[in-house]
Amino acid sequence: MVHGLEARFKALIGKRVTIRLHEPEGGFRDIVGYLESPVTLRNRHGKLIEFSYDEIALWKEVVEKN
């Protein structure tokens, strides 16, 4: 079964996003960067971060202000 977020994240590839992830030991962590695939994001330091849809608490596209 295809996860419901997959199509939404495919449409955001190349866009800047922020994603809040559930931490296994409790709490959350935020990742911010450009989506490179539906499950990978490259942060400002150039590090590729992988995540799963099951970890996501919330997410949004970061829109640049003019």
PDB file of N, CA and C in Angstrom:
ATOM      1  N   MET A   1       0.837  -1.188   0.000  1.00  0.00           N
ATOM      2  CA  MET A   1       0.000   0.000   0.000  1.00  0.00           C
ATOM      3  C   MET A   1       0.884   1.253   0.000  1.00  0.00           C
ATOM      4  N   VAL A   2       0.551   2.218  -0.815  1.00  0.00           N
ATOM      5  CA  VAL A   2       1.297   3.469  -0.885  1.00  0.00           C
ATOM      6  C   VAL A   2       0.838   4.370   0.259  1.00  0.00           C
ATOM      7  N   HIS A   3       1.815   4.914   0.970  1.00  0.00           N
ATOM      8  CA  HIS A   3       1.500   5.808   2.081  1.00  0.00           C
ATOM      9  C   HIS A   3       0.862   7.087   1.536  1.00  0.00           C
ATOM     10  N   GLY A   4      -0.096   7.655   2.259  1.00  0.00           N
ATOM     11  CA  GLY A   4      -0.809   8.849   1.822  1.00  0.00           C
ATOM     12  C   GLY A   4       0.075  10.060   1.600  1.00  0.00           C
ATOM     13  N   LEU A   5       1.211  10.140   2.288  1.00  0.00           N
ATOM     14  CA  LEU A   5       2.095  11.293   2.128  1.00  0.00           C
ATOM     15  C   LEU A   5       3.009  11.186   0.918  1.00  0.00           C
ATOM     16  N   GLU A   6       3.153  10.003   0.368  1.00  0.00           N
ATOM     17  CA  GLU A   6       4.119   9.819  -0.715  1.00  0.00           C
ATOM     18  C   GLU A   6       3.861  10.760  -1.891  1.00  0.00           C
ATOM     19  N   ALA A   7       2.631  10.838  -2.361  1.00  0.00           N
ATOM     20  CA  ALA A   7       2.316  11.699  -3.508  1.00  0.00           C
ATOM     21  C   ALA A   7       2.543  13.169  -3.156  1.00  0.00           C
ATOM     22  N   ARG A   8       2.183  13.561  -1.952  1.00  0.00           N
ATOM     23  CA  ARG A   8       2.379  14.952  -1.528  1.00  0.00           C
ATOM     24  C   ARG A   8       3.867  15.298  -1.469  1.00  0.00           C
ATOM     25  N   PHE A   9       4.668  14.380  -0.955  1.00  0.00           N
ATOM     26  CA  PHE A   9       6.101  14.640  -0.845  1.00  0.00           C
ATOM     27  C   PHE A   9       6.775  14.588  -2.206  1.00  0.00           C
ATOM     28  N   LYS A  10       6.310  13.736  -3.106  1.00  0.00           N
ATOM     29  CA  LYS A  10       6.865  13.710  -4.466  1.00  0.00           C
ATOM     30  C   LYS A  10       6.677  15.067  -5.136  1.00  0.00           C
ATOM     31  N   ALA A  11       5.533  15.704  -4.894  1.00  0.00           N
ATOM     32  CA  ALA A  11       5.250  17.012  -5.486  1.00  0.00           C
ATOM     33  C   ALA A  11       6.133  18.110  -4.892  1.00  0.00           C
ATOM     34  N   LEU A  12       6.707  17.867  -3.717  1.00  0.00           N
ATOM     35  CA  LEU A  12       7.537  18.863  -3.038  1.00  0.00           C
ATOM     36  C   LEU A  12       9.040  18.683  -3.284  1.00  0.00           C
ATOM     37  N   ILE A  13       9.432  17.690  -4.074  1.00  0.00           N
ATOM     38  CA  ILE A  13      10.858  17.479  -4.333  1.00  0.00           C
ATOM     39  C   ILE A  13      11.457  18.757  -4.922  1.00  0.00           C
ATOM     40  N   GLY A  14      12.582  19.191  -4.326  1.00  0.00           N
ATOM     41  CA  GLY A  14      13.239  20.423  -4.741  1.00  0.00           C
ATOM     42  C   GLY A  14      12.804  21.636  -3.935  1.00  0.00           C
ATOM     43  N   LYS A  15      11.742  21.490  -3.158  1.00  0.00           N
ATOM     44  CA  LYS A  15      11.239  22.588  -2.333  1.00  0.00           C
ATOM     45  C   LYS A  15      11.846  22.512  -0.938  1.00  0.00           C
ATOM     46  N   ARG A  16      11.853  23.668  -0.255  1.00  0.00           N
ATOM     47  CA  ARG A  16      12.344  23.729   1.123  1.00  0.00           C
ATOM     48  C   ARG A  16      11.197  23.389   2.061  1.00  0.00           C
ATOM     49  N   VAL A  17      11.449  22.469   2.982  1.00  0.00           N
ATOM     50  CA  VAL A  17      10.426  22.019   3.925  1.00  0.00           C
ATOM     51  C   VAL A  17      10.992  21.942   5.336  1.00  0.00           C
ATOM     52  N   THR A  18      10.104  21.961   6.305  1.00  0.00           N
ATOM     53  CA  THR A  18      10.458  21.663   7.680  1.00  0.00           C
ATOM     54  C   THR A  18       9.595  20.487   8.111  1.00  0.00           C
ATOM     55  N   ILE A  19      10.216  19.531   8.775  1.00  0.00           N
ATOM     56  CA  ILE A  19       9.523  18.315   9.197  1.00  0.00           C
ATOM     57  C   ILE A  19       9.833  18.066  10.671  1.00  0.00           C
ATOM     58  N   ARG A  20       8.799  17.876  11.472  1.00  0.00           N
ATOM     59  CA  ARG A  20       8.977  17.526  12.885  1.00  0.00           C
ATOM     60  C   ARG A  20       8.807  16.015  13.014  1.00  0.00           C
ATOM     61  N   LEU A  21       9.851  15.369  13.532  1.00  0.00           N
ATOM     62  CA  LEU A  21       9.874  13.910  13.658  1.00  0.00           C
ATOM     63  C   LEU A  21       9.741  13.487  15.115  1.00  0.00           C
ATOM     64  N   HIS A  22       9.007  12.407  15.350  1.00  0.00           N
ATOM     65  CA  HIS A  22       8.943  11.783  16.669  1.00  0.00           C
ATOM     66  C   HIS A  22      10.280  11.114  16.945  1.00  0.00           C
ATOM     67  N   GLU A  23      10.846  11.331  18.124  1.00  0.00           N
ATOM     68  CA  GLU A  23      12.065  10.641  18.546  1.00  0.00           C
ATOM     69  C   GLU A  23      11.681   9.318  19.210  1.00  0.00           C
ATOM     70  N   PRO A  24      12.419   8.237  18.966  1.00  0.00           N
ATOM     71  CA  PRO A  24      12.089   6.934  19.552  1.00  0.00           C
ATOM     72  C   PRO A  24      12.031   6.961  21.081  1.00  0.00           C
ATOM     73  N   GLU A  25      12.920   7.750  21.701  1.00  0.00           N
ATOM     74  CA  GLU A  25      12.950   7.783  23.163  1.00  0.00           C
ATOM     75  C   GLU A  25      12.005   8.827  23.747  1.00  0.00           C
ATOM     76  N   GLY A  26      11.207   9.456  22.897  1.00  0.00           N
ATOM     77  CA  GLY A  26      10.255  10.473  23.322  1.00  0.00           C
ATOM     78  C   GLY A  26      10.679  11.840  22.834  1.00  0.00           C
ATOM     79  N   GLY A  27       9.749  12.732  22.684  1.00  0.00           N
ATOM     80  CA  GLY A  27      10.049  14.069  22.214  1.00  0.00           C
ATOM     81  C   GLY A  27      10.071  14.145  20.700  1.00  0.00           C
ATOM     82  N   PHE A  28      10.580  15.279  20.216  1.00  0.00           N
ATOM     83  CA  PHE A  28      10.594  15.553  18.786  1.00  0.00           C
ATOM     84  C   PHE A  28      11.933  16.149  18.375  1.00  0.00           C
ATOM     85  N   ARG A  29      12.187  16.126  17.059  1.00  0.00           N
ATOM     86  CA  ARG A  29      13.309  16.871  16.489  1.00  0.00           C
ATOM     87  C   ARG A  29      12.839  17.417  15.148  1.00  0.00           C
ATOM     88  N   ASP A  30      13.361  18.573  14.803  1.00  0.00           N
ATOM     89  CA  ASP A  30      12.991  19.216  13.546  1.00  0.00           C
ATOM     90  C   ASP A  30      14.131  19.093  12.551  1.00  0.00           C
ATOM     91  N   ILE A  31      13.772  18.827  11.310  1.00  0.00           N
ATOM     92  CA  ILE A  31      14.738  18.853  10.222  1.00  0.00           C
ATOM     93  C   ILE A  31      14.225  19.855   9.190  1.00  0.00           C
ATOM     94  N   VAL A  32      15.149  20.636   8.636  1.00  0.00           N
ATOM     95  CA  VAL A  32      14.802  21.669   7.663  1.00  0.00           C
ATOM     96  C   VAL A  32      15.776  21.566   6.507  1.00  0.00           C
ATOM     97  N   GLY A  33      15.261  21.639   5.306  1.00  0.00           N
ATOM     98  CA  GLY A  33      16.121  21.603   4.141  1.00  0.00           C
ATOM     99  C   GLY A  33      15.319  21.381   2.877  1.00  0.00           C
ATOM    100  N   TYR A  34      16.022  20.999   1.817  1.00  0.00           N
ATOM    101  CA  TYR A  34      15.392  20.785   0.525  1.00  0.00           C
ATOM    102  C   TYR A  34      15.126  19.302   0.325  1.00  0.00           C
ATOM    103  N   LEU A  35      13.892  18.987  -0.018  1.00  0.00           N
ATOM    104  CA  LEU A  35      13.501  17.603  -0.239  1.00  0.00           C
ATOM    105  C   LEU A  35      14.172  17.084  -1.495  1.00  0.00           C
ATOM    106  N   GLU A  36      14.909  15.991  -1.372  1.00  0.00           N
ATOM    107  CA  GLU A  36      15.598  15.395  -2.532  1.00  0.00           C
ATOM    108  C   GLU A  36      14.861  14.180  -3.074  1.00  0.00           C
ATOM    109  N   SER A  37      14.082  13.533  -2.218  1.00  0.00           N
ATOM    110  CA  SER A  37      13.234  12.409  -2.613  1.00  0.00           C
ATOM    111  C   SER A  37      12.069  12.409  -1.628  1.00  0.00           C
ATOM    112  N   PRO A  38      11.088  11.555  -1.819  1.00  0.00           N
ATOM    113  CA  PRO A  38       9.975  11.539  -0.867  1.00  0.00           C
ATOM    114  C   PRO A  38      10.382  11.181   0.565  1.00  0.00           C
ATOM    115  N   VAL A  39      11.583  10.633   0.759  1.00  0.00           N
ATOM    116  CA  VAL A  39      12.011  10.252   2.118  1.00  0.00           C
ATOM    117  C   VAL A  39      13.418  10.733   2.468  1.00  0.00           C
ATOM    118  N   THR A  40      13.938  11.723   1.737  1.00  0.00           N
ATOM    119  CA  THR A  40      15.247  12.292   2.073  1.00  0.00           C
ATOM    120  C   THR A  40      15.218  13.806   1.922  1.00  0.00           C
ATOM    121  N   LEU A  41      15.978  14.450   2.800  1.00  0.00           N
ATOM    122  CA  LEU A  41      16.065  15.905   2.828  1.00  0.00           C
ATOM    123  C   LEU A  41      17.531  16.274   2.989  1.00  0.00           C
ATOM    124  N   ARG A  42      17.982  17.313   2.274  1.00  0.00           N
ATOM    125  CA  ARG A  42      19.356  17.780   2.420  1.00  0.00           C
ATOM    126  C   ARG A  42      19.317  19.078   3.223  1.00  0.00           C
ATOM    127  N   ASN A  43      20.008  19.067   4.378  1.00  0.00           N
ATOM    128  CA  ASN A  43      19.975  20.245   5.249  1.00  0.00           C
ATOM    129  C   ASN A  43      20.993  21.294   4.802  1.00  0.00           C
ATOM    130  N   ARG A  44      21.061  22.404   5.518  1.00  0.00           N
ATOM    131  CA  ARG A  44      21.926  23.525   5.120  1.00  0.00           C
ATOM    132  C   ARG A  44      23.407  23.191   5.183  1.00  0.00           C
ATOM    133  N   HIS A  45      23.772  22.117   5.890  1.00  0.00           N
ATOM    134  CA  HIS A  45      25.169  21.691   5.981  1.00  0.00           C
ATOM    135  C   HIS A  45      25.526  20.683   4.884  1.00  0.00           C
ATOM    136  N   GLY A  46      24.553  20.375   4.025  1.00  0.00           N
ATOM    137  CA  GLY A  46      24.784  19.428   2.941  1.00  0.00           C
ATOM    138  C   GLY A  46      24.577  17.981   3.332  1.00  0.00           C
ATOM    139  N   LYS A  47      24.149  17.739   4.575  1.00  0.00           N
ATOM    140  CA  LYS A  47      23.941  16.373   5.051  1.00  0.00           C
ATOM    141  C   LYS A  47      22.596  15.851   4.562  1.00  0.00           C
ATOM    142  N   LEU A  48      22.600  14.635   4.024  1.00  0.00           N
ATOM    143  CA  LEU A  48      21.374  13.981   3.570  1.00  0.00           C
ATOM    144  C   LEU A  48      20.745  13.259   4.758  1.00  0.00           C
ATOM    145  N   ILE A  49      19.505  13.593   5.058  1.00  0.00           N
ATOM    146  CA  ILE A  49      18.800  13.011   6.199  1.00  0.00           C
ATOM    147  C   ILE A  49      17.646  12.171   5.676  1.00  0.00           C
ATOM    148  N   GLU A  50      17.609  10.916   6.100  1.00  0.00           N
ATOM    149  CA  GLU A  50      16.521  10.023   5.725  1.00  0.00           C
ATOM    150  C   GLU A  50      15.492   9.998   6.839  1.00  0.00           C
ATOM    151  N   PHE A  51      14.236   9.828   6.461  1.00  0.00           N
ATOM    152  CA  PHE A  51      13.158   9.740   7.438  1.00  0.00           C
ATOM    153  C   PHE A  51      12.095   8.802   6.889  1.00  0.00           C
ATOM    154  N   SER A  52      11.212   8.356   7.754  1.00  0.00           N
ATOM    155  CA  SER A  52      10.084   7.540   7.304  1.00  0.00           C
ATOM    156  C   SER A  52       8.801   8.311   7.596  1.00  0.00           C
ATOM    157  N   TYR A  53       7.770   8.029   6.848  1.00  0.00           N
ATOM    158  CA  TYR A  53       6.501   8.714   7.051  1.00  0.00           C
ATOM    159  C   TYR A  53       5.939   8.454   8.446  1.00  0.00           C
ATOM    160  N   ASP A  54       6.225   7.297   9.011  1.00  0.00           N
ATOM    161  CA  ASP A  54       5.716   6.951  10.339  1.00  0.00           C
ATOM    162  C   ASP A  54       6.318   7.820  11.434  1.00  0.00           C
ATOM    163  N   GLU A  55       7.471   8.436  11.186  1.00  0.00           N
ATOM    164  CA  GLU A  55       8.127   9.307  12.166  1.00  0.00           C
ATOM    165  C   GLU A  55       7.547  10.721  12.183  1.00  0.00           C
ATOM    166  N   ILE A  56       6.834  11.113  11.141  1.00  0.00           N
ATOM    167  CA  ILE A  56       6.418  12.497  10.971  1.00  0.00           C
ATOM    168  C   ILE A  56       5.273  12.855  11.913  1.00  0.00           C
ATOM    169  N   ALA A  57       5.496  13.926  12.694  1.00  0.00           N
ATOM    170  CA  ALA A  57       4.444  14.481  13.540  1.00  0.00           C
ATOM    171  C   ALA A  57       3.704  15.569  12.763  1.00  0.00           C
ATOM    172  N   LEU A  58       4.466  16.431  12.076  1.00  0.00           N
ATOM    173  CA  LEU A  58       3.899  17.461  11.211  1.00  0.00           C
ATOM    174  C   LEU A  58       4.958  17.951  10.247  1.00  0.00           C
ATOM    175  N   TRP A  59       4.529  18.637   9.208  1.00  0.00           N
ATOM    176  CA  TRP A  59       5.447  19.141   8.193  1.00  0.00           C
ATOM    177  C   TRP A  59       4.801  20.300   7.472  1.00  0.00           C
ATOM    178  N   LYS A  60       5.633  21.125   6.824  1.00  0.00           N
ATOM    179  CA  LYS A  60       5.113  22.187   5.971  1.00  0.00           C
ATOM    180  C   LYS A  60       6.201  22.641   5.000  1.00  0.00           C
ATOM    181  N   GLU A  61       5.759  23.189   3.907  1.00  0.00           N
ATOM    182  CA  GLU A  61       6.684  23.794   2.952  1.00  0.00           C
ATOM    183  C   GLU A  61       7.089  25.159   3.501  1.00  0.00           C
ATOM    184  N   VAL A  62       8.369  25.490   3.379  1.00  0.00           N
ATOM    185  CA  VAL A  62       8.859  26.797   3.803  1.00  0.00           C
ATOM    186  C   VAL A  62       8.826  27.707   2.577  1.00  0.00           C
ATOM    187  N   VAL A  63       7.986  28.726   2.643  1.00  0.00           N
ATOM    188  CA  VAL A  63       7.828  29.647   1.528  1.00  0.00           C
ATOM    189  C   VAL A  63       8.681  30.882   1.803  1.00  0.00           C
ATOM    190  N   GLU A  64       9.534  31.223   0.842  1.00  0.00           N
ATOM    191  CA  GLU A  64      10.409  32.385   0.973  1.00  0.00           C
ATOM    192  C   GLU A  64       9.578  33.654   0.883  1.00  0.00           C
ATOM    193  N   LYS A  65       9.849  34.601   1.773  1.00  0.00           N
ATOM    194  CA  LYS A  65       9.174  35.895   1.713  1.00  0.00           C
ATOM    195  C   LYS A  65       9.914  36.795   0.744  1.00  0.00           C
ATOM    196  N   ASN A  66       9.180  37.561  -0.024  1.00  0.00           N
ATOM    197  CA  ASN A  66       9.786  38.498  -0.984  1.00  0.00           C
ATOM    198  C   ASN A  66      10.006  39.846  -0.363  1.00  0.00           C
TER     199      ASN A  66
END
